[in-house]
């Protein structure tokens, strides 16, 4: 969702909470929320939702790719 990009994290949180009520553990929803946190600079929360995505669907390619990139960036900055 573009909400995070526009600095509307509070609005996004409300929308995500409602969507999670209807679609618990949906990998696409979890991925989008994680990606939103990543875009807003909150890597810790992003990682939490990316891990939740993989718990929901262990071979969900988009989450795997994003997590691999985050690990690469982390390794390069160490």
N, C-alpha and C. Protein backbone atom coordinates (compact mmCIF):
# COMPACT_ATOMS: atom_id res chain seq x y z
N UNK A 1 0.83 -1.19 0.00
CA UNK A 1 0.00 0.00 0.00
C UNK A 1 0.87 1.25 0.00
N UNK A 2 0.43 2.28 -0.66
CA UNK A 2 1.22 3.51 -0.71
C UNK A 2 1.10 4.36 0.55
N UNK A 3 0.29 3.95 1.50
CA UNK A 3 0.08 4.77 2.70
C UNK A 3 1.39 5.07 3.41
N UNK A 4 2.25 4.06 3.53
CA UNK A 4 3.49 4.24 4.27
C UNK A 4 4.39 5.25 3.57
N UNK A 5 4.38 5.25 2.26
CA UNK A 5 5.21 6.18 1.51
C UNK A 5 4.80 7.62 1.79
N UNK A 6 3.53 7.81 2.03
CA UNK A 6 3.02 9.17 2.23
C UNK A 6 3.05 9.59 3.69
N UNK A 7 3.68 8.78 4.54
CA UNK A 7 3.78 9.13 5.95
C UNK A 7 2.49 8.94 6.71
N UNK A 8 1.63 8.09 6.22
CA UNK A 8 0.33 7.86 6.87
C UNK A 8 0.32 6.50 7.54
N UNK A 9 1.36 6.25 8.34
CA UNK A 9 1.50 4.96 8.99
C UNK A 9 0.32 4.62 9.89
N UNK A 10 -0.22 5.61 10.59
CA UNK A 10 -1.35 5.33 11.49
C UNK A 10 -2.55 4.83 10.70
N UNK A 11 -2.82 5.46 9.56
CA UNK A 11 -3.93 5.02 8.72
C UNK A 11 -3.68 3.61 8.19
N UNK A 12 -2.45 3.37 7.79
CA UNK A 12 -2.11 2.04 7.28
C UNK A 12 -2.30 0.98 8.35
N UNK A 13 -1.90 1.29 9.59
CA UNK A 13 -2.05 0.34 10.69
C UNK A 13 -3.51 -0.07 10.87
N UNK A 14 -4.41 0.89 10.81
CA UNK A 14 -5.84 0.61 10.98
C UNK A 14 -6.34 -0.28 9.84
N UNK A 15 -5.95 0.04 8.64
CA UNK A 15 -6.38 -0.74 7.48
C UNK A 15 -5.82 -2.15 7.56
N UNK A 16 -4.54 -2.27 7.89
CA UNK A 16 -3.94 -3.61 7.99
C UNK A 16 -4.61 -4.43 9.09
N UNK A 17 -4.91 -3.82 10.21
CA UNK A 17 -5.56 -4.55 11.30
C UNK A 17 -6.90 -5.11 10.84
N UNK A 18 -7.65 -4.30 10.12
CA UNK A 18 -8.95 -4.75 9.62
C UNK A 18 -8.78 -5.89 8.61
N UNK A 19 -7.81 -5.74 7.73
CA UNK A 19 -7.57 -6.79 6.74
C UNK A 19 -7.10 -8.08 7.40
N UNK A 20 -6.26 -7.97 8.45
CA UNK A 20 -5.81 -9.17 9.16
C UNK A 20 -6.98 -9.89 9.83
N UNK A 21 -8.00 -9.13 10.25
CA UNK A 21 -9.19 -9.77 10.83
C UNK A 21 -9.88 -10.66 9.80
N UNK A 22 -9.90 -10.22 8.56
CA UNK A 22 -10.58 -10.97 7.50
C UNK A 22 -9.69 -12.02 6.85
N UNK A 23 -8.40 -11.74 6.78
CA UNK A 23 -7.45 -12.62 6.09
C UNK A 23 -6.23 -12.88 6.98
N UNK A 24 -6.42 -13.57 8.08
CA UNK A 24 -5.27 -13.82 8.95
C UNK A 24 -4.22 -14.67 8.24
N UNK A 25 -3.00 -14.31 8.43
CA UNK A 25 -1.85 -15.06 7.90
C UNK A 25 -1.80 -15.09 6.37
N UNK A 26 -2.40 -14.13 5.72
CA UNK A 26 -2.33 -14.07 4.25
C UNK A 26 -0.94 -13.57 3.87
N UNK A 27 -0.16 -14.36 3.12
CA UNK A 27 1.22 -13.98 2.84
C UNK A 27 1.37 -12.66 2.09
N UNK A 28 0.48 -12.39 1.16
CA UNK A 28 0.57 -11.13 0.42
C UNK A 28 0.33 -9.92 1.30
N UNK A 29 -0.61 -10.04 2.20
CA UNK A 29 -0.91 -8.96 3.13
C UNK A 29 0.27 -8.74 4.09
N UNK A 30 0.80 -9.82 4.63
CA UNK A 30 1.94 -9.70 5.52
C UNK A 30 3.15 -9.11 4.81
N UNK A 31 3.36 -9.54 3.57
CA UNK A 31 4.47 -9.01 2.78
C UNK A 31 4.30 -7.51 2.55
N UNK A 32 3.11 -7.09 2.16
CA UNK A 32 2.87 -5.67 1.92
C UNK A 32 3.10 -4.84 3.18
N UNK A 33 2.66 -5.36 4.31
CA UNK A 33 2.87 -4.61 5.55
C UNK A 33 4.36 -4.54 5.87
N UNK A 34 5.06 -5.63 5.70
CA UNK A 34 6.50 -5.61 5.93
C UNK A 34 7.22 -4.66 4.98
N UNK A 35 6.81 -4.67 3.73
CA UNK A 35 7.42 -3.78 2.75
C UNK A 35 7.13 -2.32 3.10
N UNK A 36 5.94 -2.05 3.61
CA UNK A 36 5.61 -0.69 4.05
C UNK A 36 6.53 -0.22 5.17
N UNK A 37 6.78 -1.10 6.14
CA UNK A 37 7.69 -0.74 7.22
C UNK A 37 9.11 -0.53 6.69
N UNK A 38 9.49 -1.33 5.72
CA UNK A 38 10.81 -1.17 5.13
C UNK A 38 10.92 0.19 4.44
N UNK A 39 9.90 0.57 3.72
CA UNK A 39 9.90 1.86 3.04
C UNK A 39 9.91 3.03 4.01
N UNK A 40 9.32 2.82 5.17
CA UNK A 40 9.30 3.90 6.16
C UNK A 40 10.58 3.91 7.02
N UNK A 41 11.48 2.94 6.78
CA UNK A 41 12.76 2.92 7.48
C UNK A 41 12.80 2.06 8.73
N UNK A 42 11.72 1.36 9.04
CA UNK A 42 11.67 0.53 10.24
C UNK A 42 12.01 -0.92 9.87
N UNK A 43 13.30 -1.20 9.77
CA UNK A 43 13.75 -2.52 9.33
C UNK A 43 13.38 -3.63 10.32
N UNK A 44 13.37 -3.32 11.59
CA UNK A 44 13.05 -4.35 12.59
C UNK A 44 11.60 -4.83 12.42
N UNK A 45 10.68 -3.90 12.30
CA UNK A 45 9.28 -4.30 12.12
C UNK A 45 9.08 -4.94 10.74
N UNK A 46 9.80 -4.44 9.75
CA UNK A 46 9.71 -5.03 8.41
C UNK A 46 10.12 -6.49 8.48
N UNK A 47 11.24 -6.76 9.14
CA UNK A 47 11.75 -8.13 9.25
C UNK A 47 10.72 -9.02 9.95
N UNK A 48 10.07 -8.50 11.00
CA UNK A 48 9.04 -9.26 11.72
C UNK A 48 7.94 -9.72 10.75
N UNK A 49 7.45 -8.81 9.92
CA UNK A 49 6.36 -9.16 9.00
C UNK A 49 6.85 -10.04 7.85
N UNK A 50 8.08 -9.87 7.43
CA UNK A 50 8.63 -10.75 6.40
C UNK A 50 8.78 -12.18 6.94
N UNK A 51 9.21 -12.30 8.18
CA UNK A 51 9.28 -13.62 8.80
C UNK A 51 7.88 -14.23 8.93
N UNK A 52 6.91 -13.41 9.30
CA UNK A 52 5.53 -13.90 9.41
C UNK A 52 5.02 -14.37 8.04
N UNK A 53 5.44 -13.67 6.99
CA UNK A 53 5.07 -14.08 5.64
C UNK A 53 5.58 -15.48 5.37
N UNK A 54 6.82 -15.74 5.72
CA UNK A 54 7.41 -17.05 5.47
C UNK A 54 6.85 -18.14 6.38
N UNK A 55 6.42 -17.77 7.57
CA UNK A 55 5.75 -18.76 8.42
C UNK A 55 4.41 -19.15 7.80
N UNK A 56 3.77 -18.20 7.14
CA UNK A 56 2.50 -18.46 6.50
C UNK A 56 2.67 -19.27 5.21
N UNK A 57 3.73 -18.99 4.48
CA UNK A 57 4.01 -19.67 3.21
C UNK A 57 5.52 -19.71 3.04
N UNK A 58 6.12 -20.83 3.40
CA UNK A 58 7.58 -20.90 3.54
C UNK A 58 8.37 -20.67 2.25
N UNK A 59 7.74 -20.80 1.11
CA UNK A 59 8.47 -20.58 -0.14
C UNK A 59 7.94 -19.37 -0.90
N UNK A 60 7.43 -18.39 -0.19
CA UNK A 60 6.86 -17.20 -0.82
C UNK A 60 8.00 -16.35 -1.37
N UNK A 61 8.23 -16.46 -2.65
CA UNK A 61 9.37 -15.86 -3.32
C UNK A 61 9.62 -14.39 -3.05
N UNK A 62 8.60 -13.53 -3.11
CA UNK A 62 8.87 -12.11 -2.86
C UNK A 62 9.48 -11.85 -1.49
N UNK A 63 8.99 -12.53 -0.47
CA UNK A 63 9.54 -12.33 0.88
C UNK A 63 10.97 -12.82 0.96
N UNK A 64 11.24 -13.95 0.34
CA UNK A 64 12.59 -14.50 0.35
C UNK A 64 13.56 -13.52 -0.31
N UNK A 65 13.17 -12.96 -1.45
CA UNK A 65 14.04 -12.02 -2.16
C UNK A 65 14.31 -10.76 -1.33
N UNK A 66 13.29 -10.21 -0.71
CA UNK A 66 13.48 -9.00 0.09
C UNK A 66 14.37 -9.29 1.30
N UNK A 67 14.14 -10.41 1.96
CA UNK A 67 14.95 -10.75 3.13
C UNK A 67 16.41 -10.99 2.73
N UNK A 68 16.62 -11.62 1.57
CA UNK A 68 18.00 -11.82 1.10
C UNK A 68 18.68 -10.48 0.83
N UNK A 69 17.96 -9.54 0.25
CA UNK A 69 18.53 -8.22 -0.01
C UNK A 69 18.86 -7.51 1.30
N UNK A 70 17.97 -7.61 2.27
CA UNK A 70 18.24 -6.98 3.57
C UNK A 70 19.48 -7.59 4.22
N UNK A 71 19.62 -8.90 4.12
CA UNK A 71 20.80 -9.56 4.68
C UNK A 71 22.07 -9.10 3.96
N UNK A 72 21.99 -8.95 2.63
CA UNK A 72 23.14 -8.46 1.86
C UNK A 72 23.54 -7.07 2.30
N UNK A 73 22.56 -6.18 2.46
CA UNK A 73 22.84 -4.81 2.88
C UNK A 73 23.44 -4.80 4.27
N UNK A 74 22.91 -5.62 5.15
CA UNK A 74 23.41 -5.71 6.52
C UNK A 74 24.86 -6.20 6.52
N UNK A 75 25.15 -7.19 5.69
CA UNK A 75 26.51 -7.74 5.61
C UNK A 75 27.49 -6.71 5.07
N UNK A 76 27.07 -5.93 4.10
CA UNK A 76 27.95 -4.92 3.49
C UNK A 76 28.23 -3.76 4.45
N UNK A 77 27.28 -3.47 5.33
CA UNK A 77 27.48 -2.35 6.26
C UNK A 77 28.23 -2.77 7.50
N UNK A 78 28.46 -4.05 7.70
CA UNK A 78 29.19 -4.53 8.89
C UNK A 78 30.66 -4.49 8.68
